[in-house]
C-alpha atoms as a PDB file:
ATOM      1  CA  MET A   1     -85.885  51.769  20.939  1.00  0.00           C
ATOM      2  CA  ASN A   2     -82.691  50.050  22.445  1.00  0.00           C
ATOM      3  CA  ARG A   3     -82.722  46.961  24.489  1.00  0.00           C
ATOM      4  CA  PHE A   4     -82.190  46.843  28.069  1.00  0.00           C
ATOM      5  CA  ASN A   5     -79.067  43.860  28.537  1.00  0.00           C
ATOM      6  CA  TYR A   6     -78.022  42.477  32.019  1.00  0.00           C
ATOM      7  CA  ASP A   7     -77.224  39.216  33.402  1.00  0.00           C
ATOM      8  CA  THR A   8     -77.109  38.602  36.999  1.00  0.00           C
ATOM      9  CA  HIS A   9     -75.627  35.834  37.183  1.00  0.00           C
ATOM     10  CA  MET A  10     -72.353  34.363  35.070  1.00  0.00           C
ATOM     11  CA  HIS A  11     -68.780  32.972  35.425  1.00  0.00           C
ATOM     12  CA  LEU A  12     -66.549  35.494  34.239  1.00  0.00           C
ATOM     13  CA  ASP A  13     -63.351  33.940  35.302  1.00  0.00           C
ATOM     14  CA  LEU A  14     -64.162  30.671  33.979  1.00  0.00           C
ATOM     15  CA  TYR A  15     -63.850  31.743  30.503  1.00  0.00           C
ATOM     16  CA  LYS A  16     -59.826  32.181  29.217  1.00  0.00           C
ATOM     17  CA  ASN A  17     -60.610  35.213  27.192  1.00  0.00           C
ATOM     18  CA  ILE A  18     -61.616  37.245  30.129  1.00  0.00           C
ATOM     19  CA  ASP A  19     -60.094  40.460  28.791  1.00  0.00           C
ATOM     20  CA  ASP A  20     -61.847  39.633  25.395  1.00  0.00           C
ATOM     21  CA  LEU A  21     -65.439  38.832  27.367  1.00  0.00           C
ATOM     22  CA  ILE A  22     -64.901  42.032  29.832  1.00  0.00           C
ATOM     23  CA  LYS A  23     -64.420  44.073  26.452  1.00  0.00           C
ATOM     24  CA  TYR A  24     -67.467  42.886  25.196  1.00  0.00           C
ATOM     25  CA  ILE A  25     -69.481  43.364  28.200  1.00  0.00           C
ATOM     26  CA  GLU A  26     -68.502  46.944  28.764  1.00  0.00           C
ATOM     27  CA  GLU A  27     -69.055  47.745  25.042  1.00  0.00           C
ATOM     28  CA  ASN A  28     -72.798  46.243  24.867  1.00  0.00           C
ATOM     29  CA  LYS A  29     -73.619  48.134  27.423  1.00  0.00           C
ATOM     30  CA  SER A  30     -74.702  44.528  29.955  1.00  0.00           C
ATOM     31  CA  TYR A  31     -75.284  45.519  33.011  1.00  0.00           C
ATOM     32  CA  THR A  32     -73.360  41.955  34.536  1.00  0.00           C
ATOM     33  CA  ILE A  33     -73.078  40.571  38.249  1.00  0.00           C
ATOM     34  CA  ALA A  34     -70.188  38.273  38.210  1.00  0.00           C
ATOM     35  CA  VAL A  35     -70.122  35.837  40.530  1.00  0.00           C
ATOM     36  CA  THR A  36     -67.119  34.021  42.073  1.00  0.00           C
ATOM     37  CA  ASN A  37     -66.222  31.037  43.216  1.00  0.00           C
ATOM     38  CA  LEU A  38     -63.789  31.768  45.783  1.00  0.00           C
ATOM     39  CA  PRO A  39     -63.235  34.884  47.739  1.00  0.00           C
ATOM     40  CA  VAL A  40     -59.146  34.682  46.677  1.00  0.00           C
ATOM     41  CA  LEU A  41     -60.627  35.647  42.878  1.00  0.00           C
ATOM     42  CA  TYR A  42     -62.657  38.227  44.264  1.00  0.00           C
ATOM     43  CA  GLU A  43     -60.169  40.066  45.731  1.00  0.00           C
ATOM     44  CA  LYS A  44     -57.889  39.668  42.655  1.00  0.00           C
ATOM     45  CA  TYR A  45     -60.456  40.739  40.230  1.00  0.00           C
ATOM     46  CA  ILE A  46     -61.706  43.458  41.733  1.00  0.00           C
ATOM     47  CA  GLN A  47     -57.601  45.005  41.997  1.00  0.00           C
ATOM     48  CA  GLU A  48     -57.297  43.723  38.184  1.00  0.00           C
ATOM     49  CA  TYR A  49     -60.515  45.243  36.784  1.00  0.00           C
ATOM     50  CA  LYS A  50     -61.340  48.639  38.222  1.00  0.00           C
ATOM     51  CA  ASN A  51     -63.664  51.267  37.442  1.00  0.00           C
ATOM     52  CA  LEU A  52     -65.930  48.915  35.067  1.00  0.00           C
ATOM     53  CA  LYS A  53     -69.223  50.245  34.203  1.00  0.00           C
ATOM     54  CA  TYR A  54     -71.380  47.630  34.059  1.00  0.00           C
ATOM     55  CA  ILE A  55     -69.636  44.599  35.555  1.00  0.00           C
ATOM     56  CA  ARG A  56     -69.545  44.041  39.172  1.00  0.00           C
ATOM     57  CA  PHE A  57     -67.566  41.258  40.879  1.00  0.00           C
ATOM     58  CA  ALA A  58     -70.040  38.906  43.791  1.00  0.00           C
ATOM     59  CA  VAL A  59     -67.872  37.785  46.245  1.00  0.00           C
ATOM     60  CA  GLY A  60     -68.579  34.100  46.932  1.00  0.00           C
ATOM     61  CA  LEU A  61     -67.610  30.640  47.878  1.00  0.00           C
ATOM     62  CA  HIS A  62     -69.625  27.870  46.461  1.00  0.00           C
ATOM     63  CA  PRO A  63     -70.853  25.724  48.643  1.00  0.00           C
ATOM     64  CA  GLN A  64     -69.361  22.695  46.641  1.00  0.00           C
ATOM     65  CA  LEU A  65     -65.956  23.771  47.112  1.00  0.00           C
ATOM     66  CA  ILE A  66     -66.603  24.464  51.136  1.00  0.00           C
ATOM     67  CA  GLY A  67     -65.145  21.278  52.145  1.00  0.00           C
ATOM     68  CA  GLN A  68     -62.079  21.715  49.975  1.00  0.00           C
ATOM     69  CA  TYR A  69     -61.280  25.320  51.225  1.00  0.00           C
ATOM     70  CA  LYS A  70     -62.319  25.940  54.568  1.00  0.00           C
ATOM     71  CA  ASN A  71     -59.396  27.991  55.159  1.00  0.00           C
ATOM     72  CA  GLN A  72     -61.522  30.395  52.387  1.00  0.00           C
ATOM     73  CA  ILE A  73     -64.444  31.311  54.888  1.00  0.00           C
ATOM     74  CA  PRO A  74     -63.247  33.704  57.071  1.00  0.00           C
ATOM     75  CA  LYS A  75     -61.509  35.744  53.775  1.00  0.00           C
ATOM     76  CA  LEU A  76     -65.400  35.766  52.565  1.00  0.00           C
ATOM     77  CA  ILE A  77     -67.264  36.567  55.924  1.00  0.00           C
ATOM     78  CA  LYS A  78     -65.054  39.704  56.024  1.00  0.00           C
ATOM     79  CA  ASP A  79     -65.048  40.550  52.442  1.00  0.00           C
ATOM     80  CA  LEU A  80     -68.452  40.495  52.383  1.00  0.00           C
ATOM     81  CA  LYS A  81     -68.151  44.378  54.318  1.00  0.00           C
ATOM     82  CA  TYR A  82     -66.766  45.271  50.729  1.00  0.00           C
ATOM     83  CA  SER A  83     -69.498  44.733  48.346  1.00  0.00           C
ATOM     84  CA  LYS A  84     -72.747  44.778  47.819  1.00  0.00           C
ATOM     85  CA  TYR A  85     -72.709  41.427  45.621  1.00  0.00           C
ATOM     86  CA  ILE A  86     -72.537  38.525  46.676  1.00  0.00           C
ATOM     87  CA  GLY A  87     -72.628  35.368  45.230  1.00  0.00           C
ATOM     88  CA  GLU A  88     -72.490  32.943  44.622  1.00  0.00           C
ATOM     89  CA  ILE A  89     -73.155  31.122  47.668  1.00  0.00           C
ATOM     90  CA  GLY A  90     -75.680  28.737  49.158  1.00  0.00           C
ATOM     91  CA  LEU A  91     -75.978  25.253  49.383  1.00  0.00           C
ATOM     92  CA  ASP A  92     -75.431  22.070  47.734  1.00  0.00           C
ATOM     93  CA  PHE A  93     -76.974  18.488  48.919  1.00  0.00           C
ATOM     94  CA  ASN A  94     -76.278  16.769  45.625  1.00  0.00           C
ATOM     95  CA  GLU A  95     -74.024  14.239  47.513  1.00  0.00           C
ATOM     96  CA  GLU A  96     -74.621  12.718  50.990  1.00  0.00           C
ATOM     97  CA  ASP A  97     -71.705  13.750  52.696  1.00  0.00           C
ATOM     98  CA  VAL A  98     -73.138  14.589  56.099  1.00  0.00           C
ATOM     99  CA  GLU A  99     -70.145  16.291  57.335  1.00  0.00           C
ATOM    100  CA  ASN A 100     -69.801  18.257  54.037  1.00  0.00           C
ATOM    101  CA  LYS A 101     -73.227  19.382  54.634  1.00  0.00           C
ATOM    102  CA  ALA A 102     -72.688  20.117  57.961  1.00  0.00           C
ATOM    103  CA  LEU A 103     -69.869  22.441  56.927  1.00  0.00           C
ATOM    104  CA  GLN A 104     -72.230  23.803  54.809  1.00  0.00           C
ATOM    105  CA  ILE A 105     -75.247  24.731  56.577  1.00  0.00           C
ATOM    106  CA  ASN A 106     -72.692  26.376  59.351  1.00  0.00           C
ATOM    107  CA  THR A 107     -71.053  28.391  56.409  1.00  0.00           C
ATOM    108  CA  PHE A 108     -74.186  29.526  55.240  1.00  0.00           C
ATOM    109  CA  LYS A 109     -76.149  30.412  58.097  1.00  0.00           C
ATOM    110  CA  GLU A 110     -73.118  32.972  59.011  1.00  0.00           C
ATOM    111  CA  ILE A 111     -72.951  34.791  55.689  1.00  0.00           C
ATOM    112  CA  ILE A 112     -76.784  35.350  55.639  1.00  0.00           C
ATOM    113  CA  ASP A 113     -76.086  36.101  59.760  1.00  0.00           C
ATOM    114  CA  ASN A 114     -73.841  38.406  58.400  1.00  0.00           C
ATOM    115  CA  CYS A 115     -75.628  39.966  55.814  1.00  0.00           C
ATOM    116  CA  ASN A 116     -78.340  41.104  57.755  1.00  0.00           C
ATOM    117  CA  LYS A 117     -76.141  42.748  59.970  1.00  0.00           C
ATOM    118  CA  LEU A 118     -74.829  44.787  57.101  1.00  0.00           C
ATOM    119  CA  GLY A 119     -77.888  45.241  55.253  1.00  0.00           C
ATOM    120  CA  GLY A 120     -78.675  46.067  51.386  1.00  0.00           C
ATOM    121  CA  LYS A 121     -76.942  43.455  49.549  1.00  0.00           C
ATOM    122  CA  ILE A 122     -78.021  41.327  46.732  1.00  0.00           C
ATOM    123  CA  LEU A 123     -77.383  37.276  47.299  1.00  0.00           C
ATOM    124  CA  SER A 124     -77.399  34.780  44.157  1.00  0.00           C
ATOM    125  CA  ILE A 125     -78.089  31.865  45.712  1.00  0.00           C
ATOM    126  CA  HIS A 126     -77.440  28.127  44.673  1.00  0.00           C
ATOM    127  CA  SER A 127     -79.586  25.566  45.996  1.00  0.00           C
ATOM    128  CA  ARG A 128     -79.763  22.187  44.429  1.00  0.00           C
ATOM    129  CA  LYS A 129     -81.205  19.607  46.345  1.00  0.00           C
ATOM    130  CA  ALA A 130     -81.147  22.340  49.210  1.00  0.00           C
ATOM    131  CA  SER A 131     -83.989  24.745  48.848  1.00  0.00           C
ATOM    132  CA  LYS A 132     -86.098  23.653  51.932  1.00  0.00           C
ATOM    133  CA  HIS A 133     -82.864  24.282  54.099  1.00  0.00           C
ATOM    134  CA  VAL A 134     -82.073  27.573  52.003  1.00  0.00           C
ATOM    135  CA  ILE A 135     -85.365  28.920  52.824  1.00  0.00           C
ATOM    136  CA  GLU A 136     -85.489  27.870  56.488  1.00  0.00           C
ATOM    137  CA  ILE A 137     -82.313  29.759  57.144  1.00  0.00           C
ATOM    138  CA  ILE A 138     -82.712  33.282  55.124  1.00  0.00           C
ATOM    139  CA  GLY A 139     -86.480  33.633  56.107  1.00  0.00           C
ATOM    140  CA  ASP A 140     -89.216  36.237  55.232  1.00  0.00           C
ATOM    141  CA  LYS A 141     -87.051  39.103  57.163  1.00  0.00           C
ATOM    142  CA  PHE A 142     -83.779  39.394  55.273  1.00  0.00           C
ATOM    143  CA  ASN A 143     -82.094  42.474  55.213  1.00  0.00           C
ATOM    144  CA  GLY A 144     -81.170  42.667  51.563  1.00  0.00           C
ATOM    145  CA  LYS A 145     -82.066  41.130  48.575  1.00  0.00           C
ATOM    146  CA  ILE A 146     -82.239  37.397  47.599  1.00  0.00           C
ATOM    147  CA  ILE A 147     -81.840  35.729  43.958  1.00  0.00           C
ATOM    148  CA  LEU A 148     -82.490  32.593  44.100  1.00  0.00           C
ATOM    149  CA  HIS A 149     -80.283  31.198  41.051  1.00  0.00           C
ATOM    150  CA  TRP A 150     -81.957  28.430  38.741  1.00  0.00           C
ATOM    151  CA  PHE A 151     -83.937  27.032  41.467  1.00  0.00           C
ATOM    152  CA  SER A 152     -85.253  23.348  41.237  1.00  0.00           C
ATOM    153  CA  GLY A 153     -87.145  23.013  44.089  1.00  0.00           C
ATOM    154  CA  THR A 154     -90.327  21.841  44.918  1.00  0.00           C
ATOM    155  CA  ILE A 155     -94.005  24.323  44.235  1.00  0.00           C
ATOM    156  CA  SER A 156     -94.476  23.758  47.523  1.00  0.00           C
ATOM    157  CA  GLU A 157     -90.994  25.799  48.197  1.00  0.00           C
ATOM    158  CA  LEU A 158     -91.128  28.087  45.833  1.00  0.00           C
ATOM    159  CA  ARG A 159     -94.541  29.561  47.135  1.00  0.00           C
ATOM    160  CA  GLU A 160     -93.064  29.892  50.106  1.00  0.00           C
ATOM    161  CA  ALA A 161     -89.998  31.588  48.623  1.00  0.00           C
ATOM    162  CA  ILE A 162     -92.136  33.942  46.926  1.00  0.00           C
ATOM    163  CA  GLU A 163     -93.692  34.821  50.024  1.00  0.00           C
ATOM    164  CA  ASN A 164     -90.788  35.857  51.777  1.00  0.00           C
ATOM    165  CA  GLY A 165     -90.065  38.396  48.862  1.00  0.00           C
ATOM    166  CA  TYR A 166     -87.378  36.564  47.100  1.00  0.00           C
ATOM    167  CA  TYR A 167     -86.387  36.911  43.133  1.00  0.00           C
ATOM    168  CA  PHE A 168     -85.891  34.303  40.440  1.00  0.00           C
ATOM    169  CA  SER A 169     -82.881  34.084  38.218  1.00  0.00           C
ATOM    170  CA  ILE A 170     -83.971  31.981  34.769  1.00  0.00           C
ATOM    171  CA  ASN A 171     -81.598  30.926  32.197  1.00  0.00           C
ATOM    172  CA  THR A 172     -81.794  29.771  28.669  1.00  0.00           C
ATOM    173  CA  GLU A 173     -82.101  25.354  30.297  1.00  0.00           C
ATOM    174  CA  MET A 174     -84.853  26.710  32.469  1.00  0.00           C
ATOM    175  CA  VAL A 175     -86.929  27.788  29.500  1.00  0.00           C
ATOM    176  CA  LYS A 176     -86.899  24.687  27.351  1.00  0.00           C
ATOM    177  CA  SER A 177     -86.995  21.763  30.551  1.00  0.00           C
ATOM    178  CA  LYS A 178     -90.382  20.357  31.593  1.00  0.00           C
ATOM    179  CA  LYS A 179     -89.402  21.643  35.454  1.00  0.00           C
ATOM    180  CA  GLY A 180     -87.785  24.402  34.483  1.00  0.00           C
ATOM    181  CA  ILE A 181     -91.396  25.601  32.495  1.00  0.00           C
ATOM    182  CA  GLU A 182     -93.688  24.614  35.384  1.00  0.00           C
ATOM    183  CA  LEU A 183     -91.976  26.774  38.085  1.00  0.00           C
ATOM    184  CA  ILE A 184     -91.475  29.339  35.363  1.00  0.00           C
ATOM    185  CA  LYS A 185     -95.391  29.778  35.109  1.00  0.00           C
ATOM    186  CA  ASN A 186     -95.958  29.653  38.759  1.00  0.00           C
ATOM    187  CA  ILE A 187     -93.419  32.675  39.392  1.00  0.00           C
ATOM    188  CA  PRO A 188     -95.069  36.122  39.102  1.00  0.00           C
ATOM    189  CA  ILE A 189     -93.327  37.958  36.282  1.00  0.00           C
ATOM    190  CA  GLU A 190     -92.299  40.802  38.580  1.00  0.00           C
ATOM    191  CA  ARG A 191     -90.097  37.894  40.296  1.00  0.00           C
ATOM    192  CA  ILE A 192     -88.497  36.869  37.855  1.00  0.00           C
ATOM    193  CA  LEU A 193     -85.016  38.392  36.646  1.00  0.00           C
ATOM    194  CA  ILE A 194     -82.438  36.981  33.736  1.00  0.00           C
ATOM    195  CA  GLU A 195     -78.947  35.268  33.711  1.00  0.00           C
ATOM    196  CA  SER A 196     -77.213  33.353  31.562  1.00  0.00           C
ATOM    197  CA  ASP A 197     -75.092  30.925  34.362  1.00  0.00           C
ATOM    198  CA  ALA A 198     -72.218  30.759  31.572  1.00  0.00           C
ATOM    199  CA  PRO A 199     -70.432  28.879  30.968  1.00  0.00           C
ATOM    200  CA  PHE A 200     -72.418  26.072  32.557  1.00  0.00           C
ATOM    201  CA  THR A 201     -75.229  26.098  30.016  1.00  0.00           C
ATOM    202  CA  ARG A 202     -75.146  24.563  26.253  1.00  0.00           C
ATOM    203  CA  SER A 203     -75.350  28.698  24.738  1.00  0.00           C
ATOM    204  CA  THR A 204     -72.339  29.691  26.565  1.00  0.00           C
ATOM    205  CA  LYS A 205     -70.143  25.987  27.330  1.00  0.00           C
ATOM    206  CA  ASP A 206     -68.469  27.470  23.651  1.00  0.00           C
ATOM    207  CA  GLY A 207     -68.392  31.190  24.597  1.00  0.00           C
ATOM    208  CA  TYR A 208     -70.416  34.173  26.015  1.00  0.00           C
ATOM    209  CA  ASN A 209     -72.436  36.456  23.749  1.00  0.00           C
ATOM    210  CA  LEU A 210     -75.840  38.200  24.697  1.00  0.00           C
ATOM    211  CA  ASN A 211     -77.976  35.858  22.456  1.00  0.00           C
ATOM    212  CA  PHE A 212     -79.092  34.287  25.748  1.00  0.00           C
ATOM    213  CA  ILE A 213     -81.514  36.989  26.914  1.00  0.00           C
ATOM    214  CA  SER A 214     -83.514  37.340  23.563  1.00  0.00           C
ATOM    215  CA  ASP A 215     -83.760  33.133  23.980  1.00  0.00           C
ATOM    216  CA  ILE A 216     -84.862  33.774  27.602  1.00  0.00           C
ATOM    217  CA  GLU A 217     -87.213  36.387  26.520  1.00  0.00           C
ATOM    218  CA  LYS A 218     -89.090  34.089  24.203  1.00  0.00           C
ATOM    219  CA  GLY A 219     -89.291  31.539  26.433  1.00  0.00           C
ATOM    220  CA  LEU A 220     -90.752  33.322  28.717  1.00  0.00           C
ATOM    221  CA  ILE A 221     -93.492  35.106  26.567  1.00  0.00           C
ATOM    222  CA  LYS A 222     -94.472  32.004  25.669  1.00  0.00           C
ATOM    223  CA  ILE A 223     -94.729  29.836  28.978  1.00  0.00           C
ATOM    224  CA  LYS A 224     -96.351  33.181  30.681  1.00  0.00           C
ATOM    225  CA  GLY A 225     -98.344  34.096  27.540  1.00  0.00           C
ATOM    226  CA  LEU A 226     -97.435  37.655  27.388  1.00  0.00           C
ATOM    227  CA  GLU A 227     -97.686  38.067  23.238  1.00  0.00           C
ATOM    228  CA  GLY A 228     -98.089  41.598  23.193  1.00  0.00           C
ATOM    229  CA  THR A 229     -95.982  42.722  25.690  1.00  0.00           C
ATOM    230  CA  ASN A 230     -92.613  44.420  25.980  1.00  0.00           C
ATOM    231  CA  ILE A 231     -90.924  41.785  28.001  1.00  0.00           C
ATOM    232  CA  ASN A 232     -87.822  43.787  27.841  1.00  0.00           C
ATOM    233  CA  GLU A 233     -88.966  46.696  29.590  1.00  0.00           C
ATOM    234  CA  ILE A 234     -90.707  44.131  32.421  1.00  0.00           C
ATOM    235  CA  LEU A 235     -87.180  42.209  32.891  1.00  0.00           C
ATOM    236  CA  LYS A 236     -85.396  45.765  32.910  1.00  0.00           C
ATOM    237  CA  ASN A 237     -88.090  47.207  35.582  1.00  0.00           C
ATOM    238  CA  ASN A 238     -87.477  44.114  37.612  1.00  0.00           C
ATOM    239  CA  PHE A 239     -83.416  44.457  37.668  1.00  0.00           C
ATOM    240  CA  LYS A 240     -83.864  47.788  38.360  1.00  0.00           C
ATOM    241  CA  LYS A 241     -85.819  47.185  41.351  1.00  0.00           C
ATOM    242  CA  LEU A 242     -83.588  44.836  42.647  1.00  0.00           C
ATOM    243  CA  LEU A 243     -81.340  47.586  42.446  1.00  0.00           C
ATOM    244  CA  ASN A 244     -83.554  49.932  44.221  1.00  0.00           C
ATOM    245  CA  VAL A 245     -82.823  52.318  40.644  1.00  0.00           C
END
């Protein structure tokens, strides 16, 4: 049986050999959501790389870059209508900067409001040290699909996100860390998606390949006690449900 490959969150543009990577992903038929950190980059790549079968670029503005690139916010809001995939967006409260937090929150609210009006969007969301605020802003009636990427919040926040119908994209770091394993144990298998977050994981920092998929699958089988099940088929069905295929 052919394996089904996909990656819901990776940074294609942070590798130097982007053309080689695109060729590799397309040849291996791996459905890939390539997030961007600035809307100007999204606009560049959708012009440069047209007619790709397996790769879709997401329009994004990384929360850690919002303070430095305030001028990109209107461009992001404008571009939301052009892409089904939105990311990387969200909140990052790793630094105690009150003004920057306020800007992040206001921008994220504007993104969510616009995506709710447009409908049918798939959002890949960053929530480091800000899970509570992210969940409060999105709520339980979002008109689209939410993926919490590399989620690291509390168990109670996780449960609220599950009740709200969100998905969670899991990477190789999460299946190895104590915190990640604890969270994965509490996520229903039908809400789990896989991601590389390349190149920000140890297995992808020196180069991108699809080995991360089987590494995550092995971790999930062990953590969730799914020996004897076709984990690749389960994860494929989750991805298809996300896309409404």
